[in-house]
N, C-alpha and C. Protein backbone atom coordinates (compact mmCIF):
# COMPACT_ATOMS: atom_id res chain seq x y z
N MET A 1 -1.54 -13.57 58.50
CA MET A 1 -1.84 -15.15 58.45
C MET A 1 -3.14 -15.40 57.50
N ARG A 2 -3.26 -16.54 57.10
CA ARG A 2 -4.55 -16.25 56.54
C ARG A 2 -5.20 -17.91 56.98
N ARG A 3 -6.84 -17.88 56.40
CA ARG A 3 -7.35 -18.98 57.01
C ARG A 3 -7.10 -20.21 56.09
N ALA A 4 -7.28 -21.42 56.87
CA ALA A 4 -7.23 -22.71 56.11
C ALA A 4 -7.82 -22.86 54.59
N GLY A 5 -7.45 -23.12 53.71
CA GLY A 5 -8.43 -23.17 52.48
C GLY A 5 -8.25 -21.75 51.77
N GLU A 6 -8.08 -20.54 52.35
CA GLU A 6 -7.99 -19.26 51.60
C GLU A 6 -6.87 -19.23 50.89
N LEU A 7 -7.27 -18.78 49.59
CA LEU A 7 -6.17 -18.35 48.71
C LEU A 7 -5.41 -17.08 49.00
N THR A 8 -3.92 -17.30 48.76
CA THR A 8 -3.50 -15.90 48.75
C THR A 8 -3.53 -15.29 47.40
N ASP A 9 -3.57 -13.71 47.49
CA ASP A 9 -3.68 -12.85 46.29
C ASP A 9 -2.75 -13.84 45.11
N GLU A 10 -1.62 -14.12 45.40
CA GLU A 10 -0.77 -14.63 44.40
C GLU A 10 -1.32 -16.08 43.68
N GLU A 11 -1.61 -16.75 44.62
CA GLU A 11 -2.42 -17.87 44.30
C GLU A 11 -3.79 -18.02 43.32
N LEU A 12 -4.50 -16.69 43.41
CA LEU A 12 -5.73 -16.51 43.17
C LEU A 12 -5.45 -16.07 41.52
N LEU A 13 -4.27 -15.07 41.44
CA LEU A 13 -3.99 -14.71 39.98
C LEU A 13 -3.18 -15.59 39.19
N ALA A 14 -2.51 -16.86 39.94
CA ALA A 14 -1.81 -17.98 39.00
C ALA A 14 -3.04 -18.95 38.81
N SER A 15 -4.48 -19.09 39.28
CA SER A 15 -5.32 -19.95 39.14
C SER A 15 -5.73 -19.86 37.98
N GLY A 16 -6.04 -18.68 37.17
CA GLY A 16 -6.88 -18.67 35.95
C GLY A 16 -7.92 -18.85 35.77
N SER A 17 -8.76 -18.68 37.20
CA SER A 17 -9.94 -19.21 37.14
C SER A 17 -10.82 -17.66 37.52
N PRO A 18 -11.79 -17.36 36.58
CA PRO A 18 -12.68 -16.03 36.71
C PRO A 18 -13.01 -15.63 38.19
N GLU A 19 -13.58 -16.93 38.87
CA GLU A 19 -13.79 -16.49 40.35
C GLU A 19 -13.02 -16.33 41.30
N ALA A 20 -11.36 -16.69 40.56
CA ALA A 20 -10.27 -16.22 41.74
C ALA A 20 -9.94 -14.84 41.15
N MET A 21 -10.37 -14.41 40.26
CA MET A 21 -9.96 -12.96 39.73
C MET A 21 -11.23 -11.94 40.14
N GLY A 22 -12.42 -12.68 40.59
CA GLY A 22 -13.20 -12.15 41.04
C GLY A 22 -12.72 -11.61 42.70
N ILE A 23 -12.43 -12.71 43.45
CA ILE A 23 -11.80 -12.54 44.62
C ILE A 23 -10.91 -11.71 45.04
N PHE A 24 -9.88 -11.68 43.98
CA PHE A 24 -8.71 -10.72 44.11
C PHE A 24 -9.24 -9.39 43.68
N TYR A 25 -10.20 -9.04 42.80
CA TYR A 25 -10.77 -7.91 42.43
C TYR A 25 -11.47 -7.55 43.83
N ASP A 26 -12.08 -8.04 44.68
CA ASP A 26 -13.03 -7.69 45.71
C ASP A 26 -11.90 -7.20 46.60
N ARG A 27 -11.07 -7.94 46.92
CA ARG A 27 -9.68 -7.70 47.95
C ARG A 27 -9.12 -6.54 47.66
N THR A 28 -8.62 -6.03 46.21
CA THR A 28 -8.17 -4.98 46.01
C THR A 28 -8.45 -3.91 44.98
N VAL A 29 -9.90 -3.72 45.01
CA VAL A 29 -10.45 -2.56 44.42
C VAL A 29 -10.60 -1.43 44.93
N GLU A 30 -10.70 -1.27 46.31
CA GLU A 30 -11.10 -0.30 46.97
C GLU A 30 -9.57 0.65 47.25
N GLY A 31 -8.74 -0.12 47.65
CA GLY A 31 -7.31 0.31 47.84
C GLY A 31 -7.13 1.02 46.01
N LEU A 32 -7.31 0.21 44.74
CA LEU A 32 -6.83 1.03 43.87
C LEU A 32 -7.76 2.20 43.31
N LEU A 33 -9.15 2.22 43.81
CA LEU A 33 -9.85 3.44 43.52
C LEU A 33 -9.53 4.34 44.46
N GLY A 34 -8.83 4.25 45.78
CA GLY A 34 -8.59 5.39 46.42
C GLY A 34 -7.08 5.86 45.89
N TYR A 35 -5.98 5.08 45.38
CA TYR A 35 -4.99 5.20 44.55
C TYR A 35 -5.23 6.17 43.77
N PHE A 36 -6.30 6.08 42.59
CA PHE A 36 -6.52 6.97 41.58
C PHE A 36 -7.02 7.99 41.92
N ALA A 37 -8.02 8.18 42.89
CA ALA A 37 -8.79 9.27 43.44
C ALA A 37 -7.89 10.02 44.08
N ARG A 38 -7.27 10.10 44.84
CA ARG A 38 -6.21 10.88 45.38
C ARG A 38 -5.05 11.45 44.20
N ARG A 39 -4.70 10.62 43.10
CA ARG A 39 -3.75 11.26 42.16
C ARG A 39 -4.87 11.96 41.01
N THR A 40 -5.79 11.88 41.01
CA THR A 40 -6.55 12.17 39.84
C THR A 40 -7.65 13.73 40.31
N ARG A 41 -8.23 13.28 41.45
CA ARG A 41 -8.92 13.80 42.05
C ARG A 41 -10.39 14.18 41.22
N ASP A 42 -10.68 13.17 40.44
CA ASP A 42 -11.81 12.91 39.92
C ASP A 42 -12.19 11.34 39.84
N PRO A 43 -13.31 11.18 40.70
CA PRO A 43 -14.41 9.85 40.72
C PRO A 43 -14.21 9.40 39.54
N GLU A 44 -14.61 10.02 38.32
CA GLU A 44 -14.94 9.23 37.09
C GLU A 44 -13.84 8.61 36.44
N VAL A 45 -12.49 9.89 36.77
CA VAL A 45 -11.34 8.91 36.12
C VAL A 45 -10.77 7.87 37.39
N ALA A 46 -10.91 8.21 37.91
CA ALA A 46 -10.09 7.01 39.11
C ALA A 46 -11.16 5.71 38.69
N ALA A 47 -12.32 5.90 38.52
CA ALA A 47 -13.31 4.57 38.16
C ALA A 47 -12.87 4.01 36.85
N ASP A 48 -12.71 4.83 35.79
CA ASP A 48 -12.17 4.44 34.65
C ASP A 48 -10.92 3.99 34.53
N LEU A 49 -9.83 4.52 35.28
CA LEU A 49 -8.43 4.02 35.44
C LEU A 49 -8.65 2.62 36.15
N THR A 50 -9.35 2.35 37.27
CA THR A 50 -9.36 1.05 37.91
C THR A 50 -9.78 0.35 36.51
N ALA A 51 -11.29 0.65 36.37
CA ALA A 51 -11.71 -0.66 34.99
C ALA A 51 -10.21 -1.12 34.28
N GLU A 52 -9.56 0.02 33.58
CA GLU A 52 -8.62 -0.18 32.71
C GLU A 52 -7.52 -1.10 33.28
N THR A 53 -6.97 -0.89 34.64
CA THR A 53 -6.07 -1.43 35.18
C THR A 53 -6.66 -2.86 35.41
N TYR A 54 -7.35 -3.22 35.88
CA TYR A 54 -8.35 -4.76 36.07
C TYR A 54 -8.19 -5.30 34.62
N ALA A 55 -8.79 -4.51 33.47
CA ALA A 55 -8.61 -5.11 32.07
C ALA A 55 -7.08 -5.51 31.65
N ALA A 56 -6.41 -4.75 31.77
CA ALA A 56 -4.95 -4.89 31.55
C ALA A 56 -4.32 -6.02 32.67
N ALA A 57 -5.03 -6.21 33.89
CA ALA A 57 -4.39 -7.39 34.92
C ALA A 57 -5.08 -8.79 34.20
N ILE A 58 -6.38 -8.73 33.67
CA ILE A 58 -6.87 -10.05 33.42
C ILE A 58 -5.95 -10.12 31.96
N VAL A 59 -5.98 -9.59 31.05
CA VAL A 59 -5.13 -10.00 30.02
C VAL A 59 -3.54 -10.39 30.05
N ALA A 60 -2.92 -9.76 31.49
CA ALA A 60 -1.76 -10.05 31.69
C ALA A 60 -1.16 -11.06 32.71
N ARG A 61 -2.39 -11.47 33.12
CA ARG A 61 -2.14 -12.31 34.54
C ARG A 61 -1.48 -13.70 33.87
N ALA A 62 -1.57 -14.25 33.15
CA ALA A 62 -0.87 -15.32 32.58
C ALA A 62 0.65 -15.16 32.64
N ARG A 63 0.94 -14.03 32.43
CA ARG A 63 2.52 -13.57 32.57
C ARG A 63 2.74 -13.53 34.31
N PHE A 64 2.17 -13.14 35.14
CA PHE A 64 2.47 -12.86 36.53
C PHE A 64 3.16 -14.30 37.38
N ARG A 65 4.21 -14.14 38.06
CA ARG A 65 4.92 -15.25 37.92
C ARG A 65 5.16 -15.04 39.70
N GLY A 66 4.47 -14.58 40.66
CA GLY A 66 4.32 -14.45 41.86
C GLY A 66 5.73 -14.69 42.56
N GLU A 67 6.72 -14.93 42.16
CA GLU A 67 8.31 -15.38 42.52
C GLU A 67 8.82 -14.19 43.19
N GLY A 68 8.46 -13.72 44.81
CA GLY A 68 8.76 -12.26 45.11
C GLY A 68 8.25 -11.31 45.01
N THR A 69 7.06 -11.10 44.42
CA THR A 69 6.50 -10.01 44.01
C THR A 69 5.07 -10.29 44.39
N PRO A 70 4.71 -9.37 45.29
CA PRO A 70 3.30 -9.81 45.74
C PRO A 70 2.25 -9.26 44.65
N ALA A 71 1.02 -9.88 44.70
CA ALA A 71 0.12 -9.80 43.50
C ALA A 71 -0.40 -8.40 43.56
N THR A 72 -0.42 -7.65 44.85
CA THR A 72 -0.94 -6.36 45.00
C THR A 72 0.36 -5.20 44.26
N ALA A 73 1.77 -5.58 44.62
CA ALA A 73 2.44 -4.73 43.89
C ALA A 73 2.42 -5.10 42.37
N TRP A 74 2.32 -6.03 41.86
CA TRP A 74 1.97 -6.18 40.45
C TRP A 74 1.18 -5.20 39.81
N LEU A 75 -0.37 -5.45 40.74
CA LEU A 75 -1.16 -4.98 40.16
C LEU A 75 -1.11 -3.26 40.31
N PHE A 76 -0.24 -2.55 41.09
CA PHE A 76 -0.25 -1.41 41.31
C PHE A 76 0.90 -1.02 40.34
N ALA A 77 1.69 -1.99 39.90
CA ALA A 77 2.45 -1.44 38.56
C ALA A 77 1.82 -1.18 37.31
N ILE A 78 0.68 -2.17 37.22
CA ILE A 78 0.03 -1.81 36.31
C ILE A 78 -0.71 -0.47 36.28
N ALA A 79 -1.26 -0.25 37.67
CA ALA A 79 -1.81 1.06 37.90
C ALA A 79 -0.77 2.46 37.46
N HIS A 80 0.16 2.21 37.83
CA HIS A 80 1.12 3.11 37.77
C HIS A 80 1.08 3.44 36.41
N ARG A 81 1.30 2.67 35.40
CA ARG A 81 1.50 2.52 33.95
C ARG A 81 0.03 3.41 33.58
N LYS A 82 -1.03 2.94 34.01
CA LYS A 82 -2.04 3.45 33.68
C LYS A 82 -2.49 4.76 33.78
N LEU A 83 -2.25 5.17 35.04
CA LEU A 83 -1.73 6.97 35.50
C LEU A 83 -1.07 7.44 34.48
N ALA A 84 0.27 7.26 34.21
CA ALA A 84 1.22 7.75 33.38
C ALA A 84 0.72 7.86 31.90
N ASP A 85 -0.27 6.74 31.68
CA ASP A 85 -0.61 6.77 30.22
C ASP A 85 -1.67 8.27 30.27
N TYR A 86 -2.52 8.19 31.29
CA TYR A 86 -3.55 9.16 31.43
C TYR A 86 -3.01 10.61 31.66
N HIS A 87 -1.90 10.83 32.54
CA HIS A 87 -1.18 12.19 32.39
C HIS A 87 -0.80 12.44 31.07
N ARG A 88 -0.18 11.58 30.43
CA ARG A 88 0.66 11.70 29.02
C ARG A 88 -0.43 11.89 28.12
N ARG A 89 -1.44 11.26 28.05
CA ARG A 89 -2.73 11.63 26.73
C ARG A 89 -3.94 12.83 27.47
N GLY A 90 -3.75 12.54 28.71
CA GLY A 90 -5.03 13.70 29.41
C GLY A 90 -6.20 13.05 29.56
N PHE A 91 -6.28 11.53 29.05
CA PHE A 91 -7.66 10.64 29.09
C PHE A 91 -7.38 9.07 29.66
N ALA A 92 -8.14 8.26 30.12
CA ALA A 92 -7.84 7.19 30.21
C ALA A 92 -7.66 6.35 28.94
N GLU A 93 -7.16 5.34 28.55
CA GLU A 93 -7.05 4.73 27.47
C GLU A 93 -8.03 3.83 27.40
N ASP A 94 -9.16 3.70 26.64
CA ASP A 94 -10.05 2.87 26.50
C ASP A 94 -10.11 1.42 25.44
N ARG A 95 -8.46 1.24 25.13
CA ARG A 95 -8.08 0.43 24.08
C ARG A 95 -8.64 -1.24 24.48
N LEU A 96 -8.27 -1.40 25.93
CA LEU A 96 -8.30 -2.90 26.49
C LEU A 96 -9.75 -3.04 26.83
N ARG A 97 -10.64 -1.96 27.11
CA ARG A 97 -11.97 -2.14 27.44
C ARG A 97 -12.67 -2.50 26.25
N ARG A 98 -12.18 -1.69 25.13
CA ARG A 98 -12.78 -2.18 23.92
C ARG A 98 -12.81 -3.59 23.71
N ARG A 99 -11.48 -3.73 23.62
CA ARG A 99 -10.97 -5.30 23.34
C ARG A 99 -11.71 -6.57 24.24
N LEU A 100 -11.75 -5.90 25.22
CA LEU A 100 -12.72 -7.14 26.49
C LEU A 100 -14.35 -6.96 26.22
N ALA A 101 -14.73 -5.92 25.66
CA ALA A 101 -16.07 -5.59 25.34
C ALA A 101 -16.65 -5.17 26.90
N LEU A 102 -15.77 -4.32 27.34
CA LEU A 102 -16.30 -3.86 28.55
C LEU A 102 -16.93 -2.55 28.62
N GLU A 103 -18.17 -2.24 29.08
CA GLU A 103 -18.68 -1.08 29.24
C GLU A 103 -18.36 -0.32 30.43
N ARG A 104 -18.24 0.98 30.25
CA ARG A 104 -18.20 1.59 31.34
C ARG A 104 -19.49 1.75 32.15
N PRO A 105 -19.34 1.56 33.45
CA PRO A 105 -20.15 1.26 34.16
C PRO A 105 -20.62 2.99 34.81
N ALA A 106 -21.68 3.39 34.71
CA ALA A 106 -22.45 4.51 35.27
C ALA A 106 -22.14 4.57 36.92
N LEU A 107 -21.57 5.71 37.43
CA LEU A 107 -21.36 6.00 38.71
C LEU A 107 -22.50 6.32 39.51
N THR A 108 -22.78 5.74 40.67
CA THR A 108 -23.90 6.38 41.21
C THR A 108 -23.49 7.54 41.81
N THR A 109 -24.25 8.47 42.48
CA THR A 109 -24.01 9.58 43.36
C THR A 109 -23.37 8.98 44.75
N VAL A 110 -23.44 8.02 45.20
CA VAL A 110 -22.63 7.34 46.34
C VAL A 110 -21.54 6.81 45.89
N ASP A 111 -21.53 6.22 44.68
CA ASP A 111 -20.18 5.52 44.57
C ASP A 111 -19.20 6.63 44.17
N ALA A 112 -19.63 7.47 43.69
CA ALA A 112 -18.77 8.89 43.19
C ALA A 112 -18.33 9.55 44.32
N HIS A 113 -19.16 9.66 45.49
CA HIS A 113 -19.19 10.17 46.78
C HIS A 113 -17.99 9.18 47.34
N MET A 114 -17.99 8.20 47.27
CA MET A 114 -17.15 7.36 47.87
C MET A 114 -15.68 7.30 47.57
N ILE A 115 -15.61 7.34 46.07
CA ILE A 115 -14.24 7.58 45.49
C ILE A 115 -13.91 8.26 45.87
N GLY A 116 -14.54 9.72 45.76
CA GLY A 116 -13.88 10.96 45.97
C GLY A 116 -13.31 11.00 47.99
N LEU A 117 -13.98 10.36 48.35
CA LEU A 117 -13.29 10.44 49.69
C LEU A 117 -12.33 9.58 49.81
N LEU A 118 -12.38 8.42 49.35
CA LEU A 118 -11.01 7.64 49.32
C LEU A 118 -9.86 8.20 49.02
N GLY A 119 -10.01 9.42 48.30
CA GLY A 119 -8.80 10.29 47.88
C GLY A 119 -9.10 11.54 48.56
N ASP A 120 -9.51 11.70 49.45
CA ASP A 120 -9.67 12.94 49.85
C ASP A 120 -9.00 13.02 51.17
N ASP A 121 -8.23 14.27 51.48
CA ASP A 121 -7.27 14.26 52.68
C ASP A 121 -8.29 14.52 53.81
N GLY A 122 -9.58 14.97 53.67
CA GLY A 122 -10.94 14.87 54.75
C GLY A 122 -11.36 13.38 55.05
N THR A 123 -10.64 12.72 54.79
CA THR A 123 -11.05 11.19 54.87
C THR A 123 -11.07 10.79 56.53
N THR A 124 -9.96 11.56 57.16
CA THR A 124 -9.56 11.31 58.42
C THR A 124 -10.86 11.57 59.12
N ARG A 125 -11.93 12.87 59.15
CA ARG A 125 -12.78 13.22 59.85
C ARG A 125 -14.07 12.07 59.67
N LEU A 126 -14.05 11.34 58.30
CA LEU A 126 -15.02 10.29 58.07
C LEU A 126 -14.68 8.85 59.25
N LEU A 127 -13.37 8.96 59.09
CA LEU A 127 -12.85 7.82 59.89
C LEU A 127 -12.81 7.84 61.68
N GLU A 128 -12.96 8.87 61.49
CA GLU A 128 -13.15 9.05 62.95
C GLU A 128 -14.60 8.78 63.72
N GLY A 129 -15.34 8.71 62.83
CA GLY A 129 -16.67 8.01 63.54
C GLY A 129 -16.89 6.25 63.29
N LEU A 130 -15.80 5.60 62.85
CA LEU A 130 -15.82 4.33 63.03
C LEU A 130 -14.96 3.81 64.49
N PRO A 131 -15.40 2.73 65.24
CA PRO A 131 -14.56 2.06 66.10
C PRO A 131 -13.10 2.12 65.75
N PRO A 132 -12.21 2.48 66.83
CA PRO A 132 -10.71 2.67 66.46
C PRO A 132 -10.14 1.49 65.96
N GLU A 133 -10.38 0.51 66.17
CA GLU A 133 -9.56 -0.45 65.34
C GLU A 133 -9.79 -0.92 63.76
N GLN A 134 -11.38 -0.52 63.32
CA GLN A 134 -11.63 -0.20 62.09
C GLN A 134 -11.19 0.80 61.32
N GLY A 135 -11.05 1.96 61.97
CA GLY A 135 -10.85 3.18 61.79
C GLY A 135 -9.17 3.13 61.11
N ALA A 136 -8.06 2.70 62.05
CA ALA A 136 -7.14 2.43 62.07
C ALA A 136 -6.59 1.56 60.93
N ALA A 137 -7.36 0.51 60.50
CA ALA A 137 -7.33 -0.64 59.48
C ALA A 137 -7.55 0.11 58.21
N VAL A 138 -8.82 0.67 58.15
CA VAL A 138 -9.07 1.24 56.89
C VAL A 138 -8.04 2.49 56.33
N ARG A 139 -7.77 3.33 57.21
CA ARG A 139 -6.98 4.27 56.91
C ARG A 139 -5.49 3.74 56.86
N ALA A 140 -4.66 2.81 57.03
CA ALA A 140 -3.66 2.14 57.07
C ALA A 140 -3.57 1.33 55.57
N HIS A 141 -4.86 0.50 55.41
CA HIS A 141 -4.58 -0.43 54.24
C HIS A 141 -5.20 0.44 53.00
N VAL A 142 -6.27 1.46 53.22
CA VAL A 142 -7.21 1.92 51.93
C VAL A 142 -6.14 3.47 51.69
N VAL A 143 -6.13 4.24 52.65
CA VAL A 143 -5.60 5.54 52.53
C VAL A 143 -3.93 5.59 52.40
N GLU A 144 -3.49 4.47 53.28
CA GLU A 144 -1.84 4.50 52.94
C GLU A 144 -1.39 3.54 52.26
N GLU A 145 -2.09 2.79 51.51
CA GLU A 145 -1.96 1.45 50.76
C GLU A 145 -1.10 0.15 51.37
N ARG A 146 -1.23 0.25 52.78
CA ARG A 146 -0.29 -0.83 53.45
C ARG A 146 -0.99 -2.17 53.14
N PRO A 147 -0.09 -2.89 53.15
CA PRO A 147 -0.61 -4.43 52.71
C PRO A 147 -1.05 -5.25 54.16
N TYR A 148 -1.91 -5.86 53.77
CA TYR A 148 -2.74 -6.44 55.15
C TYR A 148 -1.59 -7.25 56.05
N GLY A 149 -0.80 -8.24 55.33
CA GLY A 149 0.12 -8.67 56.02
C GLY A 149 1.21 -7.85 56.79
N GLU A 150 1.62 -6.69 56.41
CA GLU A 150 2.22 -5.75 57.16
C GLU A 150 1.23 -5.26 58.29
N LEU A 151 0.21 -5.02 58.09
CA LEU A 151 -0.61 -4.53 59.24
C LEU A 151 -0.87 -5.88 60.56
N ALA A 152 -0.79 -6.74 59.75
CA ALA A 152 -1.41 -7.78 60.80
C ALA A 152 0.08 -7.88 61.39
N GLU A 153 1.24 -8.14 60.84
CA GLU A 153 2.36 -8.09 61.73
C GLU A 153 2.63 -7.05 62.80
N GLY A 154 2.45 -5.98 62.48
CA GLY A 154 2.64 -4.35 63.39
C GLY A 154 1.58 -4.53 64.37
N GLY A 155 0.32 -5.39 63.87
CA GLY A 155 -0.86 -5.24 65.21
C GLY A 155 -0.86 -6.30 66.02
N GLY A 156 0.02 -7.59 65.70
CA GLY A 156 -0.03 -8.67 66.37
C GLY A 156 -1.63 -9.35 66.26
N VAL A 157 -1.98 -9.52 65.35
CA VAL A 157 -3.23 -9.94 64.84
C VAL A 157 -2.97 -11.00 63.54
N SER A 158 -3.97 -11.81 63.28
CA SER A 158 -3.78 -12.36 61.98
C SER A 158 -4.24 -11.29 60.95
N GLU A 159 -4.13 -11.87 59.62
CA GLU A 159 -4.10 -10.99 58.49
C GLU A 159 -5.91 -11.14 58.35
N ALA A 160 -6.47 -12.34 58.46
CA ALA A 160 -7.75 -12.25 58.55
C ALA A 160 -8.66 -11.31 59.56
N VAL A 161 -7.93 -11.00 60.70
CA VAL A 161 -8.54 -9.97 61.51
C VAL A 161 -8.36 -8.34 61.06
N VAL A 162 -7.33 -8.26 60.22
CA VAL A 162 -7.35 -6.95 59.74
C VAL A 162 -8.06 -6.96 58.21
N ARG A 163 -8.39 -7.81 57.75
CA ARG A 163 -9.32 -7.99 56.32
C ARG A 163 -10.62 -7.68 57.30
N LYS A 164 -11.15 -7.96 58.04
CA LYS A 164 -12.42 -7.94 58.62
C LYS A 164 -12.71 -6.65 59.23
N ARG A 165 -11.76 -6.23 59.59
CA ARG A 165 -11.72 -4.70 60.33
C ARG A 165 -11.63 -3.97 59.28
N VAL A 166 -10.96 -4.08 58.21
CA VAL A 166 -11.15 -3.13 56.89
C VAL A 166 -12.54 -3.23 56.10
N SER A 167 -12.98 -4.61 56.23
CA SER A 167 -14.13 -4.74 55.48
C SER A 167 -15.25 -4.25 56.38
N ARG A 168 -15.45 -4.44 57.35
CA ARG A 168 -16.36 -3.85 58.48
C ARG A 168 -16.50 -2.25 58.30
N GLY A 169 -15.37 -1.64 58.41
CA GLY A 169 -15.17 -0.40 58.56
C GLY A 169 -15.49 0.18 57.31
N LEU A 170 -15.16 0.06 55.75
CA LEU A 170 -15.82 0.10 54.96
C LEU A 170 -17.36 0.27 54.43
N HIS A 171 -18.04 -1.13 55.11
CA HIS A 171 -19.32 -1.25 54.99
C HIS A 171 -19.91 -0.18 55.89
N ALA A 172 -19.45 0.17 57.20
CA ALA A 172 -20.29 0.96 57.78
C ALA A 172 -19.74 2.63 57.36
N LEU A 173 -18.83 2.75 56.27
CA LEU A 173 -18.69 4.06 55.81
C LEU A 173 -19.88 3.95 54.61
N ARG A 174 -19.69 2.86 53.85
CA ARG A 174 -20.86 2.85 52.68
C ARG A 174 -21.86 2.92 53.48
N GLU A 175 -22.34 2.44 54.41
CA GLU A 175 -23.90 2.59 55.03
C GLU A 175 -24.25 4.02 55.59
N ARG A 176 -23.22 4.88 56.04
CA ARG A 176 -23.41 6.05 56.17
C ARG A 176 -23.50 6.74 55.02
N LEU A 177 -22.57 6.79 53.93
CA LEU A 177 -22.96 7.47 52.89
C LEU A 177 -24.30 7.21 52.11
N GLU A 178 -24.99 6.11 52.07
CA GLU A 178 -26.20 5.92 51.53
C GLU A 178 -27.24 6.66 52.29
N HIS A 179 -26.94 6.63 53.59
CA HIS A 179 -27.83 7.50 54.49
C HIS A 179 -27.98 9.26 54.00
N ARG A 180 -26.53 9.36 53.39
CA ARG A 180 -26.74 10.93 53.36
C ARG A 180 -27.08 11.39 51.96
N ALA A 181 -27.17 10.38 50.93
CA ALA A 181 -27.54 10.53 49.68
C ALA A 181 -28.96 10.59 49.48
């Protein structure tokens, strides 16, 4: 369930506005980073593939037709193709990044560590330090890649509640990591 006035991911992609794409990015980036981190075991490659995926999504978003396909599924289909390209060539394709004049951002030590943790099976230990609802929400959404709507239905709460639990949990993890670095 969403709050009044809050756009769905599908509406954000269809809007065509840069601000809407920014909101979609904010909602999906951590899950996408975790997806790549688990599959590549390299934070730099995970960050590159994430950038490549969003660059491709920006270029292709006019073709998104949200009719029955969730926006996150569409994004992860792009991600799957980028990962296949990476494995086939051994490196992240940077053609779209050059085409869009995107610079590769330097990863901080904290960023690299957090990306690594998103893909690490040892993440369970880190999540144990969170309040149970936050830890469960982060594990289900970020690690297991389950959509917010599914988690809301299964937990008998609104989607906004699940999003807030994930957000608070990730914020707590980020704070913890920054104090370690």
